[in-house]
Amino acid sequence: MKKITLFTSLIIGCISLFVSCSSDDDTSQNLAQVNIDFNFLVGSDNFTPGETYSIGGEDVQIDIMQFYVGGLKMTSSTDEEFSLSGYHIISSTNDNIAFGEVAIGDNNDFEFIVGVDSATNGQSEDDFSTRPANDPLSMQEPSMHWNWNSGYKFLRIDGMIGGQAFKYHIGTDNLLVNLNIDDAINVAEGGSTIIVQVDIAQFFNGIDVAAGESTMTMDNLPLATQVVGNYTSAFSVGQ
């Protein structure tokens, strides 16, 4: 399994999204289709919403688990960049992205952001309320937006700890992160699928689960920051 590196928005600044492109006008390189599958786990167990799992020595029921992904980009061994614009809400029932065509062979970099960029996060009420229903950035159920001037919930986990409700709703520009893998990912001639493992148990690393705390980000920023700090262990990439 390949290790992911995390960069917060304080380091990477404004995220720019690109359409699929190459670094020059050479179109002779062979390309193949790449899909990205997100595989949800709790430790070694497959994740099913509403089921109870042992996390941090406590019985934890996860009812809602979803997050925004954007800024998907792969870089070939010859430094050609292939990118996918737009945002996607990822959950256990919406876990596949058709990335597009990528250079066959080793690709030395794969990255994506968890959240939405600051310009989108700070959009006007008109921008938000007039988005079409099929737009991942429009109103969602369950909600992925606090209200038009508070921005998006980049990550949402709702459930029960020991029979008591808890919520991890993570957002704000400072908690936008870029996840990067710089090990070679091989794309076969017939196409390939990149598997992104999402281990929900890892989001609770170092957290006193028994305390049953919640965070809506700004009301418990230390907890929100700790959850975000666990992204590098929660997300891993393979093929």
Protein backbone atom coordinates (compact mmCIF):
# COMPACT_ATOMS: atom_id res chain seq x y z
CA MET A 1 0.00 0.00 0.00
CA LYS A 2 1.41 3.39 -0.95
CA LYS A 3 1.79 6.21 1.56
CA ILE A 4 -0.11 9.47 1.12
CA THR A 5 1.32 12.88 1.98
CA LEU A 6 -0.95 15.63 3.31
CA PHE A 7 -0.64 19.37 2.71
CA THR A 8 -3.03 21.81 4.37
CA SER A 9 -4.34 24.84 2.53
CA LEU A 10 -1.99 27.02 4.58
CA ILE A 11 0.86 25.39 2.68
CA ILE A 12 -0.58 24.87 -0.78
CA GLY A 13 -2.66 28.07 -0.87
CA CYS A 14 -5.32 28.38 -3.55
CA ILE A 15 -6.15 25.15 -5.34
CA SER A 16 -6.48 25.38 -9.12
CA LEU A 17 -8.43 22.77 -11.06
CA PHE A 18 -7.46 21.84 -14.61
CA VAL A 19 -9.04 19.93 -17.45
CA SER A 20 -7.12 16.93 -18.80
CA CYS A 21 -4.00 18.17 -20.54
CA SER A 22 -0.38 17.38 -21.32
CA SER A 23 2.76 19.39 -20.70
CA ASP A 24 3.40 19.90 -24.42
CA ASP A 25 1.86 19.32 -27.82
CA ASP A 26 3.20 15.77 -28.21
CA THR A 27 0.11 13.59 -28.60
CA SER A 28 2.02 10.49 -29.65
CA GLN A 29 2.10 8.94 -26.17
CA ASN A 30 -0.27 6.00 -25.77
CA LEU A 31 -3.12 6.55 -23.36
CA ALA A 32 -5.53 4.29 -21.47
CA GLN A 33 -8.65 4.80 -19.36
CA VAL A 34 -8.24 5.14 -15.59
CA ASN A 35 -11.01 4.74 -13.03
CA ILE A 36 -10.78 5.52 -9.34
CA ASP A 37 -12.61 3.35 -6.82
CA PHE A 38 -12.94 4.35 -3.15
CA ASN A 39 -13.13 1.28 -0.91
CA PHE A 40 -14.56 1.95 2.57
CA LEU A 41 -13.28 -0.14 5.48
CA VAL A 42 -13.31 -0.10 9.26
CA GLY A 43 -9.99 -1.70 10.05
CA SER A 44 -10.08 -5.03 8.21
CA ASP A 45 -13.89 -5.06 7.92
CA ASN A 46 -15.89 -3.82 4.96
CA PHE A 47 -17.97 -0.78 5.90
CA THR A 48 -21.77 -0.88 5.92
CA PRO A 49 -23.67 2.26 7.03
CA GLY A 50 -25.64 1.72 10.22
CA GLU A 51 -23.48 -1.15 11.42
CA THR A 52 -21.59 -1.04 14.74
CA TYR A 53 -17.81 -1.48 14.88
CA SER A 54 -15.23 -1.53 17.65
CA ILE A 55 -13.14 1.65 17.37
CA GLY A 56 -10.83 2.78 20.15
CA GLY A 57 -12.33 0.15 22.42
CA GLU A 58 -15.84 1.57 22.00
CA ASP A 59 -18.91 0.48 20.06
CA VAL A 60 -19.20 3.00 17.23
CA GLN A 61 -22.08 3.06 14.76
CA ILE A 62 -21.41 5.02 11.57
CA ASP A 63 -24.59 6.17 9.82
CA ILE A 64 -23.22 8.85 7.45
CA MET A 65 -19.72 8.88 5.99
CA GLN A 66 -19.01 11.10 2.98
CA PHE A 67 -16.63 13.78 1.74
CA TYR A 68 -15.82 16.03 -1.20
CA VAL A 69 -13.00 15.17 -3.60
CA GLY A 70 -11.59 17.47 -6.28
CA GLY A 71 -8.37 18.53 -7.97
CA LEU A 72 -7.64 15.00 -9.21
CA LYS A 73 -4.35 14.90 -11.05
CA MET A 74 -1.84 12.33 -12.29
CA THR A 75 1.65 13.04 -13.61
CA SER A 76 3.41 10.64 -15.97
CA SER A 77 7.07 9.62 -15.84
CA THR A 78 7.66 12.16 -18.62
CA ASP A 79 6.01 14.94 -16.57
CA GLU A 80 2.78 15.05 -18.57
CA GLU A 81 -0.12 16.11 -16.38
CA PHE A 82 -3.60 14.59 -16.64
CA SER A 83 -6.29 16.26 -14.57
CA LEU A 84 -10.03 16.09 -13.92
CA SER A 85 -12.01 19.22 -13.15
CA GLY A 86 -14.98 19.49 -10.82
CA TYR A 87 -15.98 18.01 -7.50
CA HIS A 88 -17.41 14.68 -6.40
CA ILE A 89 -19.19 13.58 -3.23
CA ILE A 90 -17.75 10.22 -2.21
CA SER A 91 -19.65 7.76 -0.03
CA SER A 92 -20.05 3.99 0.21
CA THR A 93 -22.89 4.20 -2.33
CA ASN A 94 -21.14 6.69 -4.65
CA ASP A 95 -17.58 5.47 -4.74
CA ASN A 96 -16.38 5.54 -8.35
CA ILE A 97 -14.88 8.30 -10.52
CA ALA A 98 -14.12 7.91 -14.23
CA PHE A 99 -10.86 9.85 -14.34
CA GLY A 100 -10.22 9.69 -18.08
CA GLU A 101 -7.22 8.79 -20.22
CA VAL A 102 -3.74 8.71 -18.73
CA ALA A 103 -0.31 7.76 -20.09
CA ILE A 104 0.30 4.01 -20.24
CA GLY A 105 3.12 2.88 -17.97
CA ASP A 106 4.39 4.37 -14.72
CA ASN A 107 2.78 7.56 -13.50
CA ASN A 108 4.85 9.10 -10.74
CA ASP A 109 2.32 11.27 -8.96
CA PHE A 110 -1.36 11.05 -7.99
CA GLU A 111 -3.10 13.70 -5.94
CA PHE A 112 -6.49 15.04 -4.94
CA ILE A 113 -7.98 17.46 -2.44
CA VAL A 114 -10.48 16.61 0.29
CA GLY A 115 -12.85 19.58 0.37
CA VAL A 116 -13.50 22.46 -2.00
CA ASP A 117 -11.31 25.42 -2.96
CA SER A 118 -11.65 28.75 -1.14
CA ALA A 119 -13.36 30.58 -4.04
CA THR A 120 -16.07 27.91 -4.24
CA ASN A 121 -16.34 27.72 -0.47
CA GLY A 122 -16.93 31.49 -0.31
CA GLN A 123 -19.50 31.68 -3.11
CA SER A 124 -22.51 33.99 -2.93
CA GLU A 125 -25.99 32.85 -1.91
CA ASP A 126 -27.04 33.15 -5.57
CA ASP A 127 -24.18 30.92 -6.72
CA PHE A 128 -25.15 28.21 -4.25
CA SER A 129 -28.92 28.30 -4.47
CA THR A 130 -29.07 28.35 -8.29
CA ARG A 131 -26.88 25.31 -8.89
CA PRO A 132 -28.69 22.45 -10.69
CA ALA A 133 -29.84 19.52 -8.56
CA ASN A 134 -27.31 17.14 -10.15
CA ASP A 135 -24.38 19.39 -9.22
CA PRO A 136 -22.46 17.92 -6.24
CA LEU A 137 -22.05 21.50 -4.98
CA SER A 138 -25.82 22.12 -4.85
CA MET A 139 -28.04 21.39 -1.84
CA GLN A 140 -27.59 17.80 -0.71
CA GLU A 141 -29.38 15.30 1.50
CA PRO A 142 -27.76 14.64 3.88
CA SER A 143 -26.52 18.22 3.90
CA MET A 144 -22.93 18.98 2.92
CA HIS A 145 -23.27 22.74 3.45
CA TRP A 146 -23.90 24.73 6.63
CA ASN A 147 -25.42 27.74 4.90
CA TRP A 148 -24.40 30.02 2.07
CA ASN A 149 -21.95 32.12 4.14
CA SER A 150 -20.47 29.29 6.24
CA GLY A 151 -19.30 27.12 3.38
CA TYR A 152 -19.20 23.41 2.70
CA LYS A 153 -18.72 20.42 4.94
CA PHE A 154 -15.60 18.89 3.41
CA LEU A 155 -15.99 15.68 5.45
CA ARG A 156 -19.07 14.43 7.31
CA ILE A 157 -19.21 11.52 9.74
CA ASP A 158 -22.38 10.99 11.81
CA GLY A 159 -23.19 8.13 14.13
CA MET A 160 -23.40 6.86 17.68
CA ILE A 161 -20.72 6.16 20.29
CA GLY A 162 -21.96 3.96 23.11
CA GLY A 163 -25.53 4.86 22.19
CA GLN A 164 -24.89 8.64 22.17
CA ALA A 165 -24.98 10.66 18.94
CA PHE A 166 -21.79 12.26 17.62
CA LYS A 167 -20.90 14.31 14.53
CA TYR A 168 -17.62 15.16 12.82
CA HIS A 169 -18.43 17.93 10.32
CA ILE A 170 -15.15 19.29 8.96
CA GLY A 171 -14.87 22.45 6.87
CA THR A 172 -13.35 25.98 6.52
CA ASP A 173 -10.55 27.00 4.15
CA ASN A 174 -7.78 26.30 6.65
CA LEU A 175 -8.77 22.63 6.81
CA LEU A 176 -8.71 22.06 3.06
CA VAL A 177 -6.04 19.44 2.40
CA ASN A 178 -4.16 18.04 -0.56
CA LEU A 179 -3.35 14.33 -0.47
CA ASN A 180 -0.40 13.29 -2.61
CA ILE A 181 1.19 9.99 -3.54
CA ASP A 182 4.51 10.14 -5.35
CA ASP A 183 5.15 6.40 -5.84
CA ALA A 184 4.74 4.90 -9.31
CA ILE A 185 1.22 3.85 -10.32
CA ASN A 186 1.27 1.64 -13.39
CA VAL A 187 -1.41 2.13 -16.02
CA ALA A 188 -1.91 -0.92 -18.24
CA GLU A 189 -2.65 -0.80 -21.98
CA GLY A 190 -6.19 -2.04 -21.36
CA GLY A 191 -6.79 0.56 -18.65
CA SER A 192 -6.46 0.46 -14.87
CA THR A 193 -8.39 1.10 -11.69
CA ILE A 194 -6.78 2.95 -8.81
CA ILE A 195 -8.13 1.76 -5.46
CA VAL A 196 -8.25 4.40 -2.73
CA GLN A 197 -8.76 2.64 0.59
CA VAL A 198 -10.67 4.71 3.16
CA ASP A 199 -10.25 3.25 6.65
CA ILE A 200 -12.86 5.02 8.78
CA ALA A 201 -11.31 3.74 12.01
CA GLN A 202 -8.18 5.76 11.25
CA PHE A 203 -10.09 9.07 11.44
CA PHE A 204 -10.38 8.36 15.19
CA ASN A 205 -6.62 7.86 15.74
CA GLY A 206 -5.43 9.55 18.94
CA ILE A 207 -8.97 10.68 19.81
CA ASP A 208 -10.61 9.80 23.12
CA VAL A 209 -13.50 7.95 21.49
CA ALA A 210 -15.12 7.19 24.87
CA ALA A 211 -15.59 10.94 25.45
CA GLY A 212 -18.08 10.96 22.57
CA GLU A 213 -17.20 14.51 21.51
CA SER A 214 -18.56 16.15 18.36
CA THR A 215 -17.22 18.93 16.17
CA MET A 216 -18.84 21.29 13.72
CA THR A 217 -15.27 22.57 13.16
CA MET A 218 -15.26 26.01 14.80
CA ASP A 219 -17.12 24.89 17.95
CA ASN A 220 -14.39 22.28 18.60
CA LEU A 221 -11.47 23.22 16.38
CA PRO A 222 -8.89 21.03 18.19
CA LEU A 223 -10.97 17.92 17.49
CA ALA A 224 -11.59 18.96 13.86
CA THR A 225 -7.85 19.56 13.38
CA GLN A 226 -7.07 16.15 14.87
CA VAL A 227 -9.48 14.42 12.49
CA VAL A 228 -7.86 16.19 9.51
CA GLY A 229 -4.41 15.23 10.79
CA ASN A 230 -5.50 11.60 10.50
CA TYR A 231 -6.18 11.80 6.76
CA THR A 232 -2.76 10.42 5.86
CA SER A 233 -3.45 7.19 7.74
CA ALA A 234 -7.14 7.01 6.77
CA PHE A 235 -6.46 7.21 3.01
CA SER A 236 -4.13 4.81 1.21
CA VAL A 237 -3.69 4.01 -2.47
CA GLY A 238 -3.11 0.77 -4.33
CA GLN A 239 -4.06 -0.97 -7.60
